[in-house]
Amino acid sequence: MKPDRFLRLQEVLYRVGISRSSLYKLMETDQFPAQIKIGYSSVWSERAITTWMEAQIAASLSANANTNTELAEVKHVK
């Protein structure tokens, strides 16, 4: 397993492609990995961010598969 790295805010925002306010809203509702305090700085675990992104992709693919199945069933009924 690759060693974990710390990511600063700008890199996290770049990687996940969301705004700062969206990121903090997700954090408030425990839908995004929490920050790690190091002295006066806050960072995120690269591994935690990657895991979160993979979970978002899996959820999206699952939702799309369900939608496609439902659409196919509707077309079949007609």
N, C-alpha and C. Protein backbone atom coordinates (compact mmCIF):
# COMPACT_ATOMS: atom_id res chain seq x y z
N MET A 1 0.84 -1.18 0.00
CA MET A 1 0.00 0.00 0.00
C MET A 1 0.89 1.25 0.00
N LYS A 2 0.49 2.20 -0.80
CA LYS A 2 1.23 3.46 -0.91
C LYS A 2 1.12 4.26 0.39
N PRO A 3 2.20 4.90 0.82
CA PRO A 3 2.12 5.71 2.05
C PRO A 3 1.12 6.85 1.89
N ASP A 4 0.49 7.22 2.97
CA ASP A 4 -0.49 8.31 2.96
C ASP A 4 0.23 9.65 2.91
N ARG A 5 -0.42 10.63 2.30
CA ARG A 5 0.10 12.01 2.25
C ARG A 5 -0.94 12.93 2.85
N PHE A 6 -0.50 14.08 3.28
CA PHE A 6 -1.42 15.11 3.73
C PHE A 6 -1.68 16.06 2.56
N LEU A 7 -2.94 16.45 2.41
CA LEU A 7 -3.32 17.39 1.35
C LEU A 7 -3.85 18.67 1.99
N ARG A 8 -3.45 19.79 1.44
CA ARG A 8 -3.97 21.08 1.89
C ARG A 8 -5.27 21.38 1.15
N LEU A 9 -5.99 22.37 1.63
CA LEU A 9 -7.32 22.70 1.13
C LEU A 9 -7.37 22.86 -0.39
N GLN A 10 -6.45 23.63 -0.95
CA GLN A 10 -6.50 23.89 -2.40
C GLN A 10 -6.37 22.60 -3.21
N GLU A 11 -5.53 21.69 -2.75
CA GLU A 11 -5.38 20.43 -3.48
C GLU A 11 -6.62 19.56 -3.33
N VAL A 12 -7.23 19.57 -2.16
CA VAL A 12 -8.47 18.81 -1.95
C VAL A 12 -9.56 19.36 -2.88
N LEU A 13 -9.72 20.67 -2.91
CA LEU A 13 -10.73 21.28 -3.77
C LEU A 13 -10.49 20.94 -5.23
N TYR A 14 -9.23 20.98 -5.64
CA TYR A 14 -8.87 20.65 -7.02
C TYR A 14 -9.22 19.19 -7.34
N ARG A 15 -8.86 18.30 -6.43
CA ARG A 15 -9.09 16.88 -6.67
C ARG A 15 -10.56 16.50 -6.73
N VAL A 16 -11.36 17.05 -5.83
CA VAL A 16 -12.77 16.64 -5.79
C VAL A 16 -13.66 17.51 -6.66
N GLY A 17 -13.18 18.68 -7.06
CA GLY A 17 -13.92 19.51 -8.01
C GLY A 17 -15.17 20.16 -7.43
N ILE A 18 -15.14 20.49 -6.15
CA ILE A 18 -16.26 21.20 -5.54
C ILE A 18 -15.75 22.49 -4.93
N SER A 19 -16.69 23.37 -4.60
CA SER A 19 -16.31 24.66 -4.01
C SER A 19 -15.96 24.49 -2.54
N ARG A 20 -15.31 25.48 -2.00
CA ARG A 20 -14.95 25.48 -0.59
C ARG A 20 -16.21 25.40 0.28
N SER A 21 -17.23 26.19 -0.06
CA SER A 21 -18.45 26.18 0.76
C SER A 21 -19.14 24.82 0.69
N SER A 22 -19.15 24.19 -0.47
CA SER A 22 -19.75 22.85 -0.60
C SER A 22 -18.98 21.84 0.24
N LEU A 23 -17.66 21.94 0.24
CA LEU A 23 -16.84 21.03 1.02
C LEU A 23 -17.17 21.16 2.51
N TYR A 24 -17.25 22.38 3.01
CA TYR A 24 -17.53 22.58 4.43
C TYR A 24 -18.96 22.16 4.79
N LYS A 25 -19.92 22.34 3.87
CA LYS A 25 -21.28 21.85 4.12
C LYS A 25 -21.29 20.34 4.23
N LEU A 26 -20.55 19.66 3.36
CA LEU A 26 -20.46 18.20 3.44
C LEU A 26 -19.80 17.76 4.74
N MET A 27 -18.78 18.49 5.17
CA MET A 27 -18.10 18.16 6.42
C MET A 27 -19.03 18.34 7.62
N GLU A 28 -19.85 19.39 7.60
CA GLU A 28 -20.79 19.65 8.70
C GLU A 28 -21.77 18.51 8.90
N THR A 29 -22.11 17.83 7.81
CA THR A 29 -23.08 16.73 7.87
C THR A 29 -22.40 15.36 7.83
N ASP A 30 -21.10 15.35 8.12
CA ASP A 30 -20.32 14.11 8.15
C ASP A 30 -20.38 13.32 6.83
N GLN A 31 -20.47 14.04 5.73
CA GLN A 31 -20.49 13.40 4.42
C GLN A 31 -19.17 13.55 3.68
N PHE A 32 -18.17 14.09 4.38
CA PHE A 32 -16.85 14.29 3.80
C PHE A 32 -15.83 14.06 4.91
N PRO A 33 -14.66 13.51 4.58
CA PRO A 33 -13.65 13.26 5.62
C PRO A 33 -13.29 14.53 6.40
N ALA A 34 -13.09 14.36 7.68
CA ALA A 34 -12.76 15.48 8.57
C ALA A 34 -11.31 15.92 8.36
N GLN A 35 -11.06 17.16 8.70
CA GLN A 35 -9.71 17.71 8.65
C GLN A 35 -8.87 17.11 9.76
N ILE A 36 -7.58 17.16 9.55
CA ILE A 36 -6.61 16.75 10.57
C ILE A 36 -5.85 18.02 10.95
N LYS A 37 -5.85 18.36 12.22
CA LYS A 37 -5.14 19.55 12.67
C LYS A 37 -3.68 19.20 12.93
N ILE A 38 -2.80 19.96 12.33
CA ILE A 38 -1.37 19.83 12.56
C ILE A 38 -0.87 21.24 12.89
N GLY A 39 -0.66 21.48 14.17
CA GLY A 39 -0.28 22.82 14.59
C GLY A 39 -1.40 23.79 14.26
N TYR A 40 -1.06 24.83 13.50
CA TYR A 40 -2.05 25.83 13.11
C TYR A 40 -2.71 25.49 11.78
N SER A 41 -2.25 24.45 11.14
CA SER A 41 -2.76 24.08 9.82
C SER A 41 -3.78 22.96 9.90
N SER A 42 -4.63 22.88 8.89
CA SER A 42 -5.55 21.77 8.73
C SER A 42 -5.25 21.11 7.39
N VAL A 43 -5.22 19.79 7.42
CA VAL A 43 -4.94 19.02 6.22
C VAL A 43 -5.92 17.85 6.17
N TRP A 44 -5.92 17.14 5.05
CA TRP A 44 -6.73 15.95 4.89
C TRP A 44 -5.83 14.79 4.49
N SER A 45 -6.24 13.60 4.83
CA SER A 45 -5.53 12.40 4.43
C SER A 45 -5.84 12.12 2.96
N GLU A 46 -4.80 11.95 2.16
CA GLU A 46 -5.00 11.64 0.74
C GLU A 46 -5.80 10.34 0.61
N ARG A 47 -5.49 9.37 1.44
CA ARG A 47 -6.20 8.08 1.39
C ARG A 47 -7.69 8.27 1.68
N ALA A 48 -8.03 9.10 2.67
CA ALA A 48 -9.43 9.34 3.01
C ALA A 48 -10.16 10.04 1.86
N ILE A 49 -9.49 10.98 1.21
CA ILE A 49 -10.10 11.69 0.08
C ILE A 49 -10.31 10.73 -1.08
N THR A 50 -9.33 9.91 -1.38
CA THR A 50 -9.45 8.94 -2.47
C THR A 50 -10.58 7.95 -2.19
N THR A 51 -10.67 7.48 -0.96
CA THR A 51 -11.73 6.55 -0.57
C THR A 51 -13.10 7.21 -0.73
N TRP A 52 -13.21 8.47 -0.33
CA TRP A 52 -14.47 9.21 -0.46
C TRP A 52 -14.85 9.34 -1.93
N MET A 53 -13.87 9.68 -2.77
CA MET A 53 -14.15 9.82 -4.20
C MET A 53 -14.61 8.49 -4.80
N GLU A 54 -13.95 7.41 -4.44
CA GLU A 54 -14.34 6.09 -4.95
C GLU A 54 -15.75 5.73 -4.51
N ALA A 55 -16.13 6.09 -3.28
CA ALA A 55 -17.48 5.82 -2.79
C ALA A 55 -18.51 6.64 -3.57
N GLN A 56 -18.16 7.89 -3.90
CA GLN A 56 -19.08 8.73 -4.68
C GLN A 56 -19.30 8.15 -6.08
N ILE A 57 -18.23 7.66 -6.68
CA ILE A 57 -18.32 7.05 -8.01
C ILE A 57 -19.18 5.80 -7.94
N ALA A 58 -18.94 4.94 -6.96
CA ALA A 58 -19.71 3.71 -6.82
C ALA A 58 -21.19 4.01 -6.60
N ALA A 59 -21.50 4.99 -5.77
CA ALA A 59 -22.89 5.35 -5.52
C ALA A 59 -23.55 5.89 -6.78
N SER A 60 -22.82 6.68 -7.54
CA SER A 60 -23.35 7.23 -8.78
C SER A 60 -23.62 6.11 -9.80
N LEU A 61 -22.67 5.19 -9.93
CA LEU A 61 -22.85 4.08 -10.87
C LEU A 61 -24.02 3.20 -10.46
N SER A 62 -24.17 2.97 -9.17
CA SER A 62 -25.28 2.17 -8.66
C SER A 62 -26.61 2.86 -8.93
N ALA A 63 -26.67 4.16 -8.68
CA ALA A 63 -27.90 4.92 -8.93
C ALA A 63 -28.24 4.91 -10.41
N ASN A 64 -27.23 5.06 -11.28
CA ASN A 64 -27.47 5.04 -12.73
C ASN A 64 -27.94 3.67 -13.18
N ALA A 65 -27.39 2.62 -12.61
CA ALA A 65 -27.81 1.26 -12.97
C ALA A 65 -29.26 1.04 -12.58
N ASN A 66 -29.64 1.52 -11.39
CA ASN A 66 -31.03 1.38 -10.95
C ASN A 66 -31.98 2.16 -11.85
N THR A 67 -31.59 3.36 -12.24
CA THR A 67 -32.41 4.18 -13.12
C THR A 67 -32.57 3.50 -14.47
N ASN A 68 -31.48 2.97 -15.02
CA ASN A 68 -31.55 2.29 -16.31
C ASN A 68 -32.44 1.06 -16.24
N THR A 69 -32.39 0.32 -15.14
CA THR A 69 -33.24 -0.85 -14.96
C THR A 69 -34.70 -0.44 -14.89
N GLU A 70 -34.97 0.63 -14.16
CA GLU A 70 -36.35 1.12 -14.05
C GLU A 70 -36.86 1.59 -15.41
N LEU A 71 -36.04 2.27 -16.17
CA LEU A 71 -36.44 2.73 -17.50
C LEU A 71 -36.72 1.55 -18.43
N ALA A 72 -35.88 0.53 -18.35
CA ALA A 72 -36.08 -0.66 -19.18
C ALA A 72 -37.39 -1.35 -18.82
N GLU A 73 -37.72 -1.40 -17.52
CA GLU A 73 -38.97 -2.01 -17.09
C GLU A 73 -40.18 -1.21 -17.58
N VAL A 74 -40.09 0.10 -17.56
CA VAL A 74 -41.18 0.96 -18.04
C VAL A 74 -41.37 0.74 -19.53
N LYS A 75 -40.30 0.67 -20.30
CA LYS A 75 -40.41 0.46 -21.75
C LYS A 75 -41.00 -0.93 -22.03
N HIS A 76 -40.66 -1.91 -21.23
CA HIS A 76 -41.14 -3.27 -21.42
C HIS A 76 -42.64 -3.37 -21.15
N VAL A 77 -43.13 -2.58 -20.17
CA VAL A 77 -44.55 -2.60 -19.81
C VAL A 77 -45.39 -2.00 -20.92
N LYS A 78 -44.88 -0.99 -21.61
CA LYS A 78 -45.65 -0.29 -22.65
C LYS A 78 -45.88 -1.16 -23.81
